[in-house]
Protein backbone atom coordinates (compact mmCIF):
# COMPACT_ATOMS: atom_id res chain seq x y z
CA UNK A 1 62.35 95.45 100.20
CA UNK A 2 65.92 95.12 98.15
CA UNK A 3 68.84 96.86 99.60
CA UNK A 4 69.45 100.09 98.01
CA UNK A 5 72.31 100.46 95.33
CA UNK A 6 74.16 103.56 95.07
CA UNK A 7 75.12 102.85 91.51
CA UNK A 8 71.72 102.85 90.34
CA UNK A 9 70.76 105.90 92.07
CA UNK A 10 73.93 107.93 91.01
CA UNK A 11 72.35 106.97 87.31
CA UNK A 12 69.33 107.71 88.36
CA UNK A 13 69.98 111.04 89.67
CA UNK A 14 72.03 111.82 86.19
CA UNK A 15 68.95 110.54 84.44
CA UNK A 16 66.84 112.82 86.19
CA UNK A 17 69.25 115.80 85.24
CA UNK A 18 69.36 114.87 81.60
CA UNK A 19 65.28 115.05 81.55
CA UNK A 20 65.14 118.24 83.23
CA UNK A 21 67.74 120.21 80.35
CA UNK A 22 65.18 118.52 78.03
CA UNK A 23 63.12 121.59 78.75
CA UNK A 24 65.96 123.67 77.44
CA UNK A 25 65.70 121.49 74.68
CA UNK A 26 62.12 122.62 74.26
CA UNK A 27 62.35 126.22 74.64
CA UNK A 28 64.58 126.52 72.23
CA UNK A 29 63.03 124.26 69.39
CA UNK A 30 59.98 126.26 70.03
CA UNK A 31 61.89 129.60 70.48
CA UNK A 32 63.40 128.86 67.04
CA UNK A 33 60.10 127.48 65.13
CA UNK A 34 58.00 130.65 65.73
CA UNK A 35 58.37 134.56 65.45
CA UNK A 36 61.10 136.61 67.43
CA UNK A 37 58.22 139.18 68.74
CA UNK A 38 57.08 135.77 71.13
CA UNK A 39 60.53 134.81 71.90
CA UNK A 40 60.12 135.97 75.57
CA UNK A 41 56.78 134.33 76.23
CA UNK A 42 58.10 130.73 74.44
CA UNK A 43 60.73 131.27 77.21
CA UNK A 44 58.36 132.20 80.21
CA UNK A 45 56.10 129.36 79.41
CA UNK A 46 58.71 126.62 79.26
CA UNK A 47 60.03 128.48 82.52
CA UNK A 48 56.72 128.57 84.23
CA UNK A 49 56.12 124.96 83.20
CA UNK A 50 59.01 123.65 85.32
CA UNK A 51 57.95 126.04 87.98
CA UNK A 52 54.03 124.97 88.31
CA UNK A 53 54.21 121.68 86.88
CA UNK A 54 56.81 120.40 89.20
CA UNK A 55 54.90 122.11 92.32
CA UNK A 56 51.78 120.22 91.42
CA UNK A 57 53.25 117.31 90.81
CA UNK A 58 54.81 117.45 94.41
CA UNK A 59 51.77 117.98 96.26
CA UNK A 60 49.35 116.35 94.32
CA UNK A 61 50.03 114.43 91.29
CA UNK A 62 52.69 111.67 92.17
CA UNK A 63 50.06 110.97 95.29
CA UNK A 64 47.48 110.05 92.69
CA UNK A 65 49.95 108.34 90.00
CA UNK A 66 51.52 106.05 92.85
CA UNK A 67 49.83 106.06 96.11
CA UNK A 68 47.75 102.85 94.42
CA UNK A 69 44.19 101.34 95.30
CA UNK A 70 42.79 104.98 94.80
CA UNK A 71 44.32 105.99 98.32
CA UNK A 72 46.21 109.85 98.87
CA UNK A 73 49.50 110.08 100.31
CA UNK A 74 51.20 112.92 100.94
CA UNK A 75 54.46 112.56 98.53
CA UNK A 76 57.00 112.61 101.47
CA UNK A 77 55.21 110.05 103.07
CA UNK A 78 54.64 107.99 99.93
CA UNK A 79 58.48 107.94 99.25
CA UNK A 80 58.91 107.33 102.87
CA UNK A 81 57.00 104.24 103.07
CA UNK A 82 57.62 102.71 99.60
CA UNK A 83 54.93 100.36 99.53
CA UNK A 84 51.76 101.50 98.92
CA UNK A 85 51.44 101.12 95.27
CA UNK A 86 50.89 97.56 94.07
CA UNK A 87 53.83 96.93 92.95
CA UNK A 88 55.04 100.05 92.07
CA UNK A 89 58.36 99.37 94.59
CA UNK A 90 58.81 95.84 93.77
CA UNK A 91 62.63 95.15 93.09
CA UNK A 92 63.35 98.76 93.12
CA UNK A 93 66.71 99.90 94.16
CA UNK A 94 66.74 103.27 94.46
CA UNK A 95 65.45 105.48 97.48
CA UNK A 96 62.02 106.86 97.16
CA UNK A 97 62.49 110.05 96.99
CA UNK A 98 65.28 109.39 94.28
CA UNK A 99 62.35 107.77 92.22
CA UNK A 100 59.68 110.97 92.73
CA UNK A 101 62.70 113.39 91.54
CA UNK A 102 63.12 111.30 88.69
CA UNK A 103 58.70 111.11 87.97
CA UNK A 104 58.45 114.83 87.95
CA UNK A 105 60.77 115.61 85.72
CA UNK A 106 58.62 113.12 83.42
CA UNK A 107 55.49 115.08 84.80
CA UNK A 108 56.71 118.64 83.66
CA UNK A 109 58.00 117.26 80.14
CA UNK A 110 53.92 116.50 79.64
CA UNK A 111 52.88 119.60 79.86
CA UNK A 112 55.96 121.49 78.11
CA UNK A 113 54.58 119.77 75.06
CA UNK A 114 51.13 121.84 75.37
CA UNK A 115 53.67 124.96 75.29
CA UNK A 116 54.65 124.62 71.28
CA UNK A 117 50.94 123.89 69.90
CA UNK A 118 49.61 126.87 72.06
CA UNK A 119 52.46 129.19 71.05
CA UNK A 120 51.50 133.20 69.69
CA UNK A 121 48.04 133.48 70.79
CA UNK A 122 47.63 131.72 74.56
CA UNK A 123 47.14 134.32 77.63
CA UNK A 124 49.74 133.20 79.75
CA UNK A 125 47.78 133.31 82.85
CA UNK A 126 45.56 130.35 80.98
CA UNK A 127 48.53 128.57 79.98
CA UNK A 128 49.96 128.20 83.90
CA UNK A 129 45.82 127.69 84.62
CA UNK A 130 46.02 124.85 82.27
CA UNK A 131 49.57 123.00 83.07
CA UNK A 132 48.49 123.17 86.95
CA UNK A 133 45.14 121.30 86.12
CA UNK A 134 47.30 119.26 83.76
CA UNK A 135 49.69 117.70 85.86
CA UNK A 136 47.83 117.89 88.96
CA UNK A 137 44.78 115.47 88.08
CA UNK A 138 44.60 114.60 83.83
CA UNK A 139 48.29 113.62 83.61
CA UNK A 140 48.51 111.28 87.37
CA UNK A 141 45.46 109.59 86.29
CA UNK A 142 47.15 108.08 83.35
CA UNK A 143 50.34 107.76 85.25
CA UNK A 144 48.44 105.65 87.64
CA UNK A 145 46.43 103.37 84.77
CA UNK A 146 50.19 102.23 83.36
CA UNK A 147 52.58 102.58 85.76
CA UNK A 148 50.91 103.20 89.42
CA UNK A 149 49.50 99.31 89.65
CA UNK A 150 46.30 100.45 87.80
CA UNK A 151 43.90 98.82 85.59
CA UNK A 152 46.27 98.97 82.35
CA UNK A 153 49.18 97.63 84.33
CA UNK A 154 46.95 94.75 85.67
CA UNK A 155 46.34 94.02 81.60
CA UNK A 156 49.48 94.09 80.77
CA UNK A 157 49.73 97.23 79.14
CA UNK A 158 53.34 97.98 78.15
CA UNK A 159 54.69 101.43 78.29
CA UNK A 160 58.29 101.38 79.17
CA UNK A 161 59.38 105.13 79.25
CA UNK A 162 55.95 106.79 78.11
CA UNK A 163 55.06 107.18 74.60
CA UNK A 164 51.43 107.04 76.04
CA UNK A 165 51.93 108.59 79.57
CA UNK A 166 53.98 111.33 78.38
CA UNK A 167 54.01 111.87 75.30
CA UNK A 168 50.58 110.96 74.32
CA UNK A 169 49.12 112.82 77.08
CA UNK A 170 50.95 116.43 75.83
CA UNK A 171 49.91 115.72 72.37
CA UNK A 172 46.12 114.91 72.97
CA UNK A 173 46.06 117.71 76.10
CA UNK A 174 47.83 120.06 72.95
CA UNK A 175 44.93 118.69 70.59
CA UNK A 176 42.38 120.17 72.47
CA UNK A 177 43.53 123.28 73.78
CA UNK A 178 44.70 124.07 70.58
CA UNK A 179 41.28 123.36 69.07
CA UNK A 180 39.46 125.38 71.48
CA UNK A 181 42.54 128.20 71.18
CA UNK A 182 41.71 128.49 67.24
CA UNK A 183 44.30 129.23 64.85
CA UNK A 184 46.85 132.41 64.62
CA UNK A 185 46.02 135.21 62.76
CA UNK A 186 47.23 134.37 58.75
CA UNK A 187 47.15 131.44 59.36
CA UNK A 188 44.50 130.49 57.07
CA UNK A 189 43.59 132.44 53.87
CA UNK A 190 39.97 133.46 52.86
CA UNK A 191 39.33 130.29 51.63
CA UNK A 192 40.64 127.91 54.26
CA UNK A 193 44.00 127.61 52.90
CA UNK A 194 46.84 127.24 55.38
CA UNK A 195 49.73 129.35 55.34
CA UNK A 196 53.23 128.99 55.73
CA UNK A 197 54.48 131.17 59.11
CA UNK A 198 58.30 131.09 59.07
CA UNK A 199 60.01 130.38 62.61
CA UNK A 200 62.82 133.13 63.35
CA UNK A 201 65.70 130.83 64.16
CA UNK A 202 66.17 127.62 62.79
CA UNK A 203 69.50 127.40 64.01
CA UNK A 204 68.06 127.89 67.77
CA UNK A 205 65.96 125.43 66.77
CA UNK A 206 68.45 122.95 66.14
CA UNK A 207 70.21 123.19 69.13
CA UNK A 208 67.14 122.58 71.09
CA UNK A 209 66.83 119.24 68.65
CA UNK A 210 70.43 118.26 69.75
CA UNK A 211 69.82 118.78 73.60
CA UNK A 212 66.21 116.77 73.77
CA UNK A 213 68.06 114.16 71.72
CA UNK A 214 70.63 113.73 74.37
CA UNK A 215 67.99 113.89 76.79
CA UNK A 216 65.94 111.05 75.54
CA UNK A 217 69.09 108.72 76.63
CA UNK A 218 68.19 109.88 80.07
CA UNK A 219 64.49 109.70 79.25
CA UNK A 220 64.41 106.26 78.12
CA UNK A 221 67.49 104.18 79.43
CA UNK A 222 66.78 106.14 82.63
CA UNK A 223 63.58 104.51 83.19
CA UNK A 224 65.08 101.46 83.60
CA UNK A 225 66.00 102.92 87.07
CA UNK A 226 69.13 100.48 87.48
CA UNK A 227 72.64 99.71 85.98
CA UNK A 228 72.41 96.50 84.17
CA UNK A 229 72.44 94.66 80.98
CA UNK A 230 68.86 96.02 79.89
CA UNK A 231 70.45 99.93 79.62
CA UNK A 232 73.03 99.25 76.53
CA UNK A 233 70.28 98.22 74.49
CA UNK A 234 67.64 100.82 75.43
CA UNK A 235 70.25 103.37 74.45
CA UNK A 236 71.05 101.80 71.44
CA UNK A 237 67.49 101.25 70.26
CA UNK A 238 66.48 105.44 71.45
CA UNK A 239 69.59 106.49 69.06
CA UNK A 240 68.45 103.71 66.32
CA UNK A 241 64.79 104.73 65.67
CA UNK A 242 66.12 109.08 66.11
CA UNK A 243 68.35 108.24 62.86
CA UNK A 244 65.78 106.78 61.18
CA UNK A 245 63.10 109.17 61.52
CA UNK A 246 65.06 112.15 60.73
CA UNK A 247 66.15 109.95 57.55
CA UNK A 248 62.41 108.70 56.68
CA UNK A 249 61.27 112.16 56.90
CA UNK A 250 64.21 113.88 55.00
CA UNK A 251 63.40 111.75 52.05
CA UNK A 252 59.54 111.95 52.40
CA UNK A 253 59.95 116.05 52.48
CA UNK A 254 62.68 115.95 49.30
CA UNK A 255 60.01 113.89 47.50
CA UNK A 256 57.09 115.95 48.45
CA UNK A 257 58.86 119.56 47.54
CA UNK A 258 61.98 118.73 45.61
CA UNK A 259 64.13 119.90 48.72
CA UNK A 260 64.63 118.57 51.65
CA UNK A 261 63.05 120.06 54.75
CA UNK A 262 64.68 120.92 57.50
CA UNK A 263 62.31 121.67 60.65
CA UNK A 264 60.68 118.64 59.62
CA UNK A 265 63.51 116.40 59.77
CA UNK A 266 64.10 117.47 63.08
CA UNK A 267 60.76 116.76 64.03
CA UNK A 268 61.23 113.35 62.01
CA UNK A 269 64.25 112.73 64.89
CA UNK A 270 62.02 113.50 67.55
CA UNK A 271 59.35 111.38 66.29
CA UNK A 272 61.28 108.82 66.16
CA UNK A 273 62.54 109.26 70.08
CA UNK A 274 58.65 109.50 70.64
CA UNK A 275 57.52 106.13 68.74
CA UNK A 276 60.30 104.12 70.20
CA UNK A 277 59.77 105.39 73.91
CA UNK A 278 57.50 102.78 74.79
CA UNK A 279 58.78 99.90 73.32
CA UNK A 280 62.72 100.45 73.74
CA UNK A 281 63.05 97.76 76.44
CA UNK A 282 61.22 94.92 74.42
CA UNK A 283 62.36 94.75 71.09
CA UNK A 284 65.45 94.21 69.01
CA UNK A 285 67.38 97.00 67.27
CA UNK A 286 66.54 96.13 63.76
CA UNK A 287 62.92 96.79 64.55
CA UNK A 288 63.85 100.06 66.29
CA UNK A 289 65.02 101.15 62.99
CA UNK A 290 61.33 100.05 61.47
CA UNK A 291 59.76 101.71 64.39
CA UNK A 292 61.54 104.69 63.50
CA UNK A 293 61.62 105.28 60.10
CA UNK A 294 57.33 104.79 60.40
CA UNK A 295 57.37 107.44 62.62
CA UNK A 296 59.40 109.77 60.09
CA UNK A 297 56.59 109.28 57.79
CA UNK A 298 53.66 109.24 59.79
CA UNK A 299 54.92 112.57 61.28
CA UNK A 300 54.84 114.12 57.76
CA UNK A 301 51.29 112.58 57.21
CA UNK A 302 49.54 113.80 60.55
CA UNK A 303 51.29 117.55 60.41
CA UNK A 304 48.75 117.55 56.86
CA UNK A 305 45.91 115.92 58.88
CA UNK A 306 46.30 118.81 61.68
CA UNK A 307 46.40 121.77 59.23
CA UNK A 308 44.70 120.57 56.32
CA UNK A 309 41.62 118.35 57.84
CA UNK A 310 41.07 119.14 61.05
CA UNK A 311 42.26 123.18 60.87
CA UNK A 312 44.27 123.14 63.81
CA UNK A 313 46.78 125.57 63.94
CA UNK A 314 49.97 123.87 65.87
CA UNK A 315 53.19 126.35 65.20
CA UNK A 316 55.96 123.76 65.92
CA UNK A 317 54.00 119.90 65.11
CA UNK A 318 53.61 119.12 68.77
CA UNK A 319 50.45 117.09 68.03
CA UNK A 320 51.79 114.78 65.52
CA UNK A 321 55.64 114.35 67.16
CA UNK A 322 54.05 113.75 70.43
CA UNK A 323 50.56 112.50 70.19
CA UNK A 324 50.04 110.47 66.88
CA UNK A 325 53.83 109.13 67.17
CA UNK A 326 53.14 108.21 71.03
CA UNK A 327 50.46 106.56 69.58
CA UNK A 328 52.35 104.59 66.88
CA UNK A 329 54.92 103.64 69.51
CA UNK A 330 52.29 102.22 71.87
CA UNK A 331 51.00 100.00 69.10
CA UNK A 332 54.45 99.41 67.87
CA UNK A 333 54.85 97.19 71.10
CA UNK A 334 52.49 95.05 70.53
CA UNK A 335 53.72 94.35 66.67
CA UNK A 336 57.12 93.92 67.45
CA UNK A 337 57.75 93.16 71.21
CA UNK A 338 60.07 90.06 71.76
CA UNK A 339 58.09 86.82 72.56
CA UNK A 340 54.79 88.93 72.44
CA UNK A 341 54.28 91.11 69.41
CA UNK A 342 52.18 90.10 65.97
CA UNK A 343 55.23 89.68 64.01
CA UNK A 344 57.57 88.58 66.07
CA UNK A 345 55.15 85.82 67.90
CA UNK A 346 51.53 85.69 65.61
CA UNK A 347 50.53 87.04 69.11
CA UNK A 348 47.41 89.35 68.71
CA UNK A 349 46.66 89.49 72.65
CA UNK A 350 49.47 92.55 73.16
CA UNK A 351 48.44 94.48 70.36
CA UNK A 352 44.95 94.66 71.39
CA UNK A 353 46.01 95.62 74.61
CA UNK A 354 48.21 98.44 73.83
CA UNK A 355 45.30 99.55 71.30
CA UNK A 356 42.83 99.68 74.25
CA UNK A 357 45.28 101.75 76.84
CA UNK A 358 46.18 104.06 73.74
CA UNK A 359 42.35 104.45 72.80
CA UNK A 360 41.12 105.07 76.11
CA UNK A 361 43.87 107.51 77.01
CA UNK A 362 42.92 109.37 73.71
CA UNK A 363 39.38 109.80 74.54
CA UNK A 364 40.13 110.73 78.31
CA UNK A 365 42.64 113.34 77.93
CA UNK A 366 41.23 115.01 74.74
CA UNK A 367 37.65 115.20 76.38
CA UNK A 368 39.04 116.50 79.78
CA UNK A 369 41.52 119.12 78.03
CA UNK A 370 38.90 120.26 75.96
CA UNK A 371 36.53 120.77 78.92
CA UNK A 372 38.95 122.43 80.92
CA UNK A 373 40.29 124.73 77.98
CA UNK A 374 36.42 125.33 77.33
CA UNK A 375 35.95 126.51 81.06
CA UNK A 376 39.09 128.67 81.07
CA UNK A 377 38.10 130.65 77.92
CA UNK A 378 34.65 130.73 79.74
CA UNK A 379 35.87 132.54 82.60
CA UNK A 380 39.85 133.88 82.66
CA UNK A 381 39.51 134.04 78.79
CA UNK A 382 42.34 131.46 76.85
CA UNK A 383 43.60 134.20 74.46
CA UNK A 384 45.21 137.51 73.87
CA UNK A 385 43.60 140.11 72.11
CA UNK A 386 44.00 140.48 68.54
CA UNK A 387 46.25 143.56 68.58
CA UNK A 388 48.52 142.32 71.05
CA UNK A 389 48.84 138.84 68.95
CA UNK A 390 49.62 141.10 66.16
CA UNK A 391 52.18 143.06 67.78
CA UNK A 392 53.57 140.01 69.89
CA UNK A 393 53.40 138.77 73.12
CA UNK A 394 56.75 139.69 74.40
CA UNK A 395 56.39 143.34 74.40
CA UNK A 396 52.79 143.47 75.64
CA UNK A 397 52.39 140.39 78.00
CA UNK A 398 55.76 140.48 79.47
CA UNK A 399 57.47 144.55 78.61
CA UNK A 400 60.17 142.81 77.10
CA UNK A 401 62.19 142.17 74.00
CA UNK A 402 64.11 139.39 73.21
CA UNK A 403 66.12 141.39 70.54
CA UNK A 404 66.02 144.90 71.18
CA UNK A 405 68.98 145.93 69.20
CA UNK A 406 66.55 143.98 65.72
CA UNK A 407 65.00 147.11 63.91
CA UNK A 408 61.39 146.16 62.84
CA UNK A 409 59.40 147.63 60.15
């Protein structure tokens, strides 16, 4: 066991706080991208994600992810022992409890991704139950495979800060849950053509975007778990991918419709951030530009695929941003990693491992979350009644109005 570094500990605590603030970013961007009558619902779902997700990770999830060898050890015992997870604690220069805190912020983020995709029609009780099970059991399994000394880690799978573990898990959970939930009333016309349902506050969404962007420096650079030479390149790669993601999406939507789309451009920034999350520590800056740009194009294509082909209603584009670009970022490791990527070394081995891990994660999470959502639908019910959805979830489910002075028709 290495000696504790107070500088490393301070940095990881700061990074944990930055990741925690991303919940404000998610709440703001989701509220802005949806209608005013569901703003309180968005806020309550994001608040409850922090409550329920963090509690479940403390009680169950962390131990499943990091105990190792299938053993279950209580969280407080595990962080005190600092040695059960095979290889997890090797070289760690921060206290175990700080490592737990950082990982807890990641876990809650995965559940938050689902919130946007199911907005404006899911029952609050159903969302709470799905979030609890996701963070207690489903997320920790993938985290163990990759970060807890599991079978993917043994095979050399690389996911530095969670393109697969956090973002794809959240995105694929959103895909399965939104499929079972069904689209919002009015999203598709009688011919099955998707109709635009405008969000109510692009300014609020913009605030959310920049909070998320800021928090991502803690998300990625904090995953180094130390203050060393790698932190600078990780942070730089993170920023470069984000700007290229936004730029690419802006030009694609401009070309597609004759006008640059502000909302999609924001999702392009997020797509670049999600895509660089796995490879940020193993690629050079010029490859981060490529990864972000491709992510910005992919998100536009994916949104159309989800809406037009799969007929899944995702009000904020969470499936495309997090699920699809989490997949792209995971594969990008195998393409561009220094010394191991297909384009940097001519080797294909790492790309195969990355594809295997991404594929198994997709199948596992989609199947488990489909079964979970179906079970919830069959028991407590997953969707609010039509009259409540039309009126809005704020006044009906929560007895509050985010804009009480606003006169509606």
